[in-house]
Amino acid sequence: MQYIWEALVILFIGFCLLRIAGKKTVAEMTGIEIVTLLSIASVIGHAVTDGELLQTVLTLSVFVALLILIQYLAVKFNWIEKVFMGRATLIIQDGKIRTDNLKKLRMSVDQIEAKLREKGISLFTDVKTATIEMNGGLGYELKKHAKPVTFGELEEPLSRQNASKASGQTGQRPSLFEEIVQGDHTQKIPKELE
């Protein structure tokens, strides 16, 4: 019975410590976070078979405390962030692949192409800058000609066009929302609808 009790305590403490360590999926984790996660899993596995409850709790607490300390120091000092968490690596610059950096990452052009396709990008030449981030994800910025148009970019020319239409045409019908804002109908309602 004590074996079951200790196993439940170890699993509960491991769960709590992982919650303290942070909420990230494995794909978003840095190397130090993955090593800590694997170490916690290993210690929990050995603790259940060895039965050393206090030693296991202390070991798990040390792992998580070190992770939190490193994360805190990485925010304060860039060199700690660089050593323990890494930096993004430039892989495309002005539409051209940086093969020197691909070699450092030990990645092939096919792997980069797959990452670009996942983002809906079909041409290297459309990419202004692309990086492999610390967690292995792809970060990118498209060149101006390849960027999708945003509502904000359309808003200005459309408002100018609407202003010129409003000044040149008096018979323009207001939208239903303008009637709500004004609090009254701007055009007469037909008799049959009253």
C-alpha atoms as a PDB file:
ATOM      1  CA  MET A   1       0.000   0.000   0.000  1.00  0.00           C
ATOM      2  CA  GLN A   2       2.867   2.396   0.773  1.00  0.00           C
ATOM      3  CA  TYR A   3       4.218   1.790  -2.769  1.00  0.00           C
ATOM      4  CA  ILE A   4       0.986   3.085  -4.304  1.00  0.00           C
ATOM      5  CA  TRP A   5       0.940   6.093  -1.963  1.00  0.00           C
ATOM      6  CA  GLU A   6       4.534   7.075  -2.838  1.00  0.00           C
ATOM      7  CA  ALA A   7       3.895   6.651  -6.568  1.00  0.00           C
ATOM      8  CA  LEU A   8       0.854   8.948  -6.382  1.00  0.00           C
ATOM      9  CA  VAL A   9       2.791  11.570  -4.400  1.00  0.00           C
ATOM     10  CA  ILE A  10       5.704  11.479  -6.863  1.00  0.00           C
ATOM     11  CA  LEU A  11       3.393  11.811  -9.869  1.00  0.00           C
ATOM     12  CA  PHE A  12       1.462  14.671  -8.238  1.00  0.00           C
ATOM     13  CA  ILE A  13       4.655  16.533  -7.340  1.00  0.00           C
ATOM     14  CA  GLY A  14       6.033  15.923 -10.854  1.00  0.00           C
ATOM     15  CA  PHE A  15       2.815  17.318 -12.335  1.00  0.00           C
ATOM     16  CA  CYS A  16       2.945  20.404 -10.099  1.00  0.00           C
ATOM     17  CA  LEU A  17       6.593  21.045 -10.923  1.00  0.00           C
ATOM     18  CA  LEU A  18       5.914  20.756 -14.655  1.00  0.00           C
ATOM     19  CA  ARG A  19       3.116  23.310 -14.268  1.00  0.00           C
ATOM     20  CA  ILE A  20       5.568  25.623 -12.502  1.00  0.00           C
ATOM     21  CA  ALA A  21       8.179  25.053 -15.243  1.00  0.00           C
ATOM     22  CA  GLY A  22       5.833  26.571 -17.824  1.00  0.00           C
ATOM     23  CA  LYS A  23       3.192  25.886 -20.424  1.00  0.00           C
ATOM     24  CA  LYS A  24       4.769  24.937 -23.714  1.00  0.00           C
ATOM     25  CA  THR A  25       4.322  22.144 -26.163  1.00  0.00           C
ATOM     26  CA  VAL A  26       7.391  20.076 -26.938  1.00  0.00           C
ATOM     27  CA  ALA A  27       7.653  21.805 -30.335  1.00  0.00           C
ATOM     28  CA  GLU A  28       7.936  25.194 -28.596  1.00  0.00           C
ATOM     29  CA  MET A  29      10.542  24.115 -26.034  1.00  0.00           C
ATOM     30  CA  THR A  30      14.188  25.051 -26.083  1.00  0.00           C
ATOM     31  CA  GLY A  31      16.914  22.476 -25.550  1.00  0.00           C
ATOM     32  CA  ILE A  32      17.275  23.149 -21.816  1.00  0.00           C
ATOM     33  CA  GLU A  33      13.531  22.757 -21.297  1.00  0.00           C
ATOM     34  CA  ILE A  34      13.438  19.438 -23.161  1.00  0.00           C
ATOM     35  CA  VAL A  35      16.405  18.095 -21.151  1.00  0.00           C
ATOM     36  CA  THR A  36      14.682  19.145 -17.912  1.00  0.00           C
ATOM     37  CA  LEU A  37      11.442  17.474 -18.987  1.00  0.00           C
ATOM     38  CA  LEU A  38      13.226  14.239 -19.889  1.00  0.00           C
ATOM     39  CA  SER A  39      15.189  14.320 -16.628  1.00  0.00           C
ATOM     40  CA  ILE A  40      11.994  14.742 -14.632  1.00  0.00           C
ATOM     41  CA  ALA A  41      10.429  11.815 -16.468  1.00  0.00           C
ATOM     42  CA  SER A  42      13.486   9.663 -15.833  1.00  0.00           C
ATOM     43  CA  VAL A  43      13.669  10.520 -12.134  1.00  0.00           C
ATOM     44  CA  ILE A  44       9.953   9.819 -11.696  1.00  0.00           C
ATOM     45  CA  GLY A  45      10.367   6.484 -13.415  1.00  0.00           C
ATOM     46  CA  HIS A  46      13.276   5.463 -11.163  1.00  0.00           C
ATOM     47  CA  ALA A  47      11.570   6.802  -8.055  1.00  0.00           C
ATOM     48  CA  VAL A  48       8.536   4.619  -8.544  1.00  0.00           C
ATOM     49  CA  THR A  49      10.755   1.519  -8.686  1.00  0.00           C
ATOM     50  CA  ASP A  50      13.279   2.592  -6.006  1.00  0.00           C
ATOM     51  CA  GLY A  51      10.848   4.009  -3.466  1.00  0.00           C
ATOM     52  CA  GLU A  52      12.982   6.988  -2.393  1.00  0.00           C
ATOM     53  CA  LEU A  53      10.246   9.606  -1.988  1.00  0.00           C
ATOM     54  CA  LEU A  54      12.154  12.441  -0.302  1.00  0.00           C
ATOM     55  CA  GLN A  55      15.209  12.104  -2.540  1.00  0.00           C
ATOM     56  CA  THR A  56      12.976  12.105  -5.634  1.00  0.00           C
ATOM     57  CA  VAL A  57      11.048  15.202  -4.556  1.00  0.00           C
ATOM     58  CA  LEU A  58      14.291  17.073  -3.850  1.00  0.00           C
ATOM     59  CA  THR A  59      15.813  16.018  -7.185  1.00  0.00           C
ATOM     60  CA  LEU A  60      12.742  17.090  -9.134  1.00  0.00           C
ATOM     61  CA  SER A  61      12.626  20.404  -7.263  1.00  0.00           C
ATOM     62  CA  VAL A  62      16.288  21.071  -8.071  1.00  0.00           C
ATOM     63  CA  PHE A  63      15.661  20.383 -11.790  1.00  0.00           C
ATOM     64  CA  VAL A  64      12.749  22.809 -11.954  1.00  0.00           C
ATOM     65  CA  ALA A  65      14.495  25.426  -9.804  1.00  0.00           C
ATOM     66  CA  LEU A  66      17.530  25.342 -12.105  1.00  0.00           C
ATOM     67  CA  LEU A  67      15.293  25.658 -15.170  1.00  0.00           C
ATOM     68  CA  ILE A  68      13.474  28.658 -13.706  1.00  0.00           C
ATOM     69  CA  LEU A  69      16.777  30.244 -12.665  1.00  0.00           C
ATOM     70  CA  ILE A  70      18.214  29.817 -16.166  1.00  0.00           C
ATOM     71  CA  GLN A  71      15.039  31.225 -17.742  1.00  0.00           C
ATOM     72  CA  TYR A  72      15.148  34.213 -15.386  1.00  0.00           C
ATOM     73  CA  LEU A  73      18.841  34.869 -16.033  1.00  0.00           C
ATOM     74  CA  ALA A  74      18.281  34.500 -19.793  1.00  0.00           C
ATOM     75  CA  VAL A  75      15.873  37.431 -19.625  1.00  0.00           C
ATOM     76  CA  LYS A  76      18.495  39.531 -17.833  1.00  0.00           C
ATOM     77  CA  PHE A  77      21.659  38.478 -19.704  1.00  0.00           C
ATOM     78  CA  ASN A  78      21.844  37.898 -23.454  1.00  0.00           C
ATOM     79  CA  TRP A  79      24.882  35.635 -23.225  1.00  0.00           C
ATOM     80  CA  ILE A  80      23.014  33.212 -20.947  1.00  0.00           C
ATOM     81  CA  GLU A  81      20.105  33.152 -23.373  1.00  0.00           C
ATOM     82  CA  LYS A  82      22.505  32.460 -26.228  1.00  0.00           C
ATOM     83  CA  VAL A  83      24.303  29.631 -24.396  1.00  0.00           C
ATOM     84  CA  PHE A  84      21.298  27.832 -22.892  1.00  0.00           C
ATOM     85  CA  MET A  85      18.436  28.632 -25.254  1.00  0.00           C
ATOM     86  CA  GLY A  86      20.106  29.544 -28.519  1.00  0.00           C
ATOM     87  CA  ARG A  87      19.348  32.181 -31.122  1.00  0.00           C
ATOM     88  CA  ALA A  88      17.411  32.260 -34.346  1.00  0.00           C
ATOM     89  CA  THR A  89      19.526  31.418 -37.405  1.00  0.00           C
ATOM     90  CA  LEU A  90      19.127  33.259 -40.693  1.00  0.00           C
ATOM     91  CA  ILE A  91      18.459  30.810 -43.546  1.00  0.00           C
ATOM     92  CA  ILE A  92      17.064  33.055 -46.313  1.00  0.00           C
ATOM     93  CA  GLN A  93      18.109  36.617 -46.992  1.00  0.00           C
ATOM     94  CA  ASP A  94      16.638  38.681 -49.850  1.00  0.00           C
ATOM     95  CA  GLY A  95      15.229  35.568 -51.545  1.00  0.00           C
ATOM     96  CA  LYS A  96      18.529  33.655 -51.446  1.00  0.00           C
ATOM     97  CA  ILE A  97      19.282  30.605 -49.316  1.00  0.00           C
ATOM     98  CA  ARG A  98      22.117  31.001 -46.831  1.00  0.00           C
ATOM     99  CA  THR A  99      23.805  27.626 -47.386  1.00  0.00           C
ATOM    100  CA  ASP A 100      26.507  28.425 -44.820  1.00  0.00           C
ATOM    101  CA  ASN A 101      23.866  28.612 -42.088  1.00  0.00           C
ATOM    102  CA  LEU A 102      22.042  25.537 -43.379  1.00  0.00           C
ATOM    103  CA  LYS A 103      25.273  23.586 -42.949  1.00  0.00           C
ATOM    104  CA  LYS A 104      25.597  24.849 -39.366  1.00  0.00           C
ATOM    105  CA  LEU A 105      22.045  23.690 -38.675  1.00  0.00           C
ATOM    106  CA  ARG A 106      22.619  20.409 -40.538  1.00  0.00           C
ATOM    107  CA  MET A 107      19.471  21.028 -42.571  1.00  0.00           C
ATOM    108  CA  SER A 108      18.921  20.310 -46.233  1.00  0.00           C
ATOM    109  CA  VAL A 109      17.269  22.569 -48.767  1.00  0.00           C
ATOM    110  CA  ASP A 110      14.445  20.002 -48.963  1.00  0.00           C
ATOM    111  CA  GLN A 111      13.746  20.467 -45.262  1.00  0.00           C
ATOM    112  CA  ILE A 112      13.578  24.241 -45.704  1.00  0.00           C
ATOM    113  CA  GLU A 113      11.289  23.828 -48.709  1.00  0.00           C
ATOM    114  CA  ALA A 114       8.968  21.663 -46.587  1.00  0.00           C
ATOM    115  CA  LYS A 115       8.833  24.321 -43.860  1.00  0.00           C
ATOM    116  CA  LEU A 116       8.076  27.017 -46.455  1.00  0.00           C
ATOM    117  CA  ARG A 117       5.331  24.926 -48.059  1.00  0.00           C
ATOM    118  CA  GLU A 118       3.726  24.444 -44.638  1.00  0.00           C
ATOM    119  CA  LYS A 119       3.464  28.240 -44.429  1.00  0.00           C
ATOM    120  CA  GLY A 120       1.985  28.495 -47.937  1.00  0.00           C
ATOM    121  CA  ILE A 121       5.129  29.929 -49.515  1.00  0.00           C
ATOM    122  CA  SER A 122       5.986  28.519 -52.936  1.00  0.00           C
ATOM    123  CA  LEU A 123       9.022  30.600 -53.983  1.00  0.00           C
ATOM    124  CA  PHE A 124      12.252  31.403 -52.165  1.00  0.00           C
ATOM    125  CA  THR A 125      12.362  34.676 -54.077  1.00  0.00           C
ATOM    126  CA  ASP A 126       9.156  35.814 -52.301  1.00  0.00           C
ATOM    127  CA  VAL A 127      10.904  35.632 -48.921  1.00  0.00           C
ATOM    128  CA  LYS A 128      12.733  38.718 -47.689  1.00  0.00           C
ATOM    129  CA  THR A 129      14.059  37.026 -44.534  1.00  0.00           C
ATOM    130  CA  ALA A 130      13.588  33.586 -43.002  1.00  0.00           C
ATOM    131  CA  THR A 131      14.991  32.145 -39.801  1.00  0.00           C
ATOM    132  CA  ILE A 132      14.973  28.874 -37.943  1.00  0.00           C
ATOM    133  CA  GLU A 133      13.891  29.897 -34.464  1.00  0.00           C
ATOM    134  CA  MET A 134      15.213  28.577 -31.148  1.00  0.00           C
ATOM    135  CA  ASN A 135      12.410  26.012 -30.992  1.00  0.00           C
ATOM    136  CA  GLY A 136      12.994  24.791 -34.568  1.00  0.00           C
ATOM    137  CA  GLY A 137      10.066  26.714 -36.054  1.00  0.00           C
ATOM    138  CA  LEU A 138      10.242  28.864 -39.165  1.00  0.00           C
ATOM    139  CA  GLY A 139      10.062  32.629 -38.865  1.00  0.00           C
ATOM    140  CA  TYR A 140       9.724  34.615 -42.067  1.00  0.00           C
ATOM    141  CA  GLU A 141       8.999  37.987 -43.629  1.00  0.00           C
ATOM    142  CA  LEU A 142       7.701  38.166 -47.167  1.00  0.00           C
ATOM    143  CA  LYS A 143       8.818  40.727 -49.706  1.00  0.00           C
ATOM    144  CA  LYS A 144       6.359  43.537 -50.360  1.00  0.00           C
ATOM    145  CA  HIS A 145       5.084  42.067 -53.647  1.00  0.00           C
ATOM    146  CA  ALA A 146       4.282  38.719 -51.960  1.00  0.00           C
ATOM    147  CA  LYS A 147       2.568  40.002 -48.803  1.00  0.00           C
ATOM    148  CA  PRO A 148      -1.181  39.579 -48.568  1.00  0.00           C
ATOM    149  CA  VAL A 149      -3.118  42.822 -48.531  1.00  0.00           C
ATOM    150  CA  THR A 150      -4.455  43.748 -45.108  1.00  0.00           C
ATOM    151  CA  PHE A 151      -7.673  45.561 -44.322  1.00  0.00           C
ATOM    152  CA  GLY A 152      -5.668  48.537 -43.056  1.00  0.00           C
ATOM    153  CA  GLU A 153      -3.864  48.845 -46.387  1.00  0.00           C
ATOM    154  CA  LEU A 154      -7.162  48.766 -48.262  1.00  0.00           C
ATOM    155  CA  GLU A 155      -8.939  51.124 -45.921  1.00  0.00           C
ATOM    156  CA  GLU A 156      -7.135  54.309 -46.984  1.00  0.00           C
ATOM    157  CA  PRO A 157      -7.720  54.074 -50.769  1.00  0.00           C
ATOM    158  CA  LEU A 158     -11.286  52.919 -50.207  1.00  0.00           C
ATOM    159  CA  SER A 159     -12.039  55.814 -47.877  1.00  0.00           C
ATOM    160  CA  ARG A 160     -10.619  58.248 -50.437  1.00  0.00           C
ATOM    161  CA  GLN A 161     -12.747  56.643 -53.142  1.00  0.00           C
ATOM    162  CA  ASN A 162     -15.863  56.769 -50.959  1.00  0.00           C
ATOM    163  CA  ALA A 163     -15.185  60.425 -50.098  1.00  0.00           C
ATOM    164  CA  SER A 164     -14.920  61.361 -53.763  1.00  0.00           C
ATOM    165  CA  LYS A 165     -18.110  59.456 -54.561  1.00  0.00           C
ATOM    166  CA  ALA A 166     -19.968  61.114 -51.695  1.00  0.00           C
ATOM    167  CA  SER A 167     -18.942  64.569 -52.837  1.00  0.00           C
ATOM    168  CA  GLY A 168     -19.771  63.858 -56.476  1.00  0.00           C
ATOM    169  CA  GLN A 169     -22.944  61.805 -56.027  1.00  0.00           C
ATOM    170  CA  THR A 170     -25.843  62.860 -53.841  1.00  0.00           C
ATOM    171  CA  GLY A 171     -27.999  59.781 -54.500  1.00  0.00           C
ATOM    172  CA  GLN A 172     -25.738  57.362 -52.640  1.00  0.00           C
ATOM    173  CA  ARG A 173     -27.633  55.076 -50.250  1.00  0.00           C
ATOM    174  CA  PRO A 174     -26.347  54.907 -46.676  1.00  0.00           C
ATOM    175  CA  SER A 175     -25.770  51.529 -45.086  1.00  0.00           C
ATOM    176  CA  LEU A 176     -28.118  50.029 -42.537  1.00  0.00           C
ATOM    177  CA  PHE A 177     -25.526  50.655 -39.850  1.00  0.00           C
ATOM    178  CA  GLU A 178     -25.427  54.378 -40.595  1.00  0.00           C
ATOM    179  CA  GLU A 179     -29.167  54.475 -39.924  1.00  0.00           C
ATOM    180  CA  ILE A 180     -28.600  52.858 -36.534  1.00  0.00           C
ATOM    181  CA  VAL A 181     -25.831  55.300 -35.636  1.00  0.00           C
ATOM    182  CA  GLN A 182     -27.952  58.284 -36.680  1.00  0.00           C
ATOM    183  CA  GLY A 183     -30.999  56.902 -34.896  1.00  0.00           C
ATOM    184  CA  ASP A 184     -33.396  57.447 -37.795  1.00  0.00           C
ATOM    185  CA  HIS A 185     -34.014  56.390 -41.369  1.00  0.00           C
ATOM    186  CA  THR A 186     -32.190  58.531 -43.873  1.00  0.00           C
ATOM    187  CA  GLN A 187     -34.588  57.651 -46.666  1.00  0.00           C
ATOM    188  CA  LYS A 188     -38.358  57.454 -46.672  1.00  0.00           C
ATOM    189  CA  ILE A 189     -39.866  54.068 -45.985  1.00  0.00           C
ATOM    190  CA  PRO A 190     -42.367  52.958 -48.636  1.00  0.00           C
ATOM    191  CA  LYS A 191     -46.015  53.207 -47.449  1.00  0.00           C
ATOM    192  CA  GLU A 192     -46.622  49.459 -47.876  1.00  0.00           C
ATOM    193  CA  LEU A 193     -43.828  48.684 -45.358  1.00  0.00           C
ATOM    194  CA  GLU A 194     -44.994  51.046 -42.597  1.00  0.00           C
END
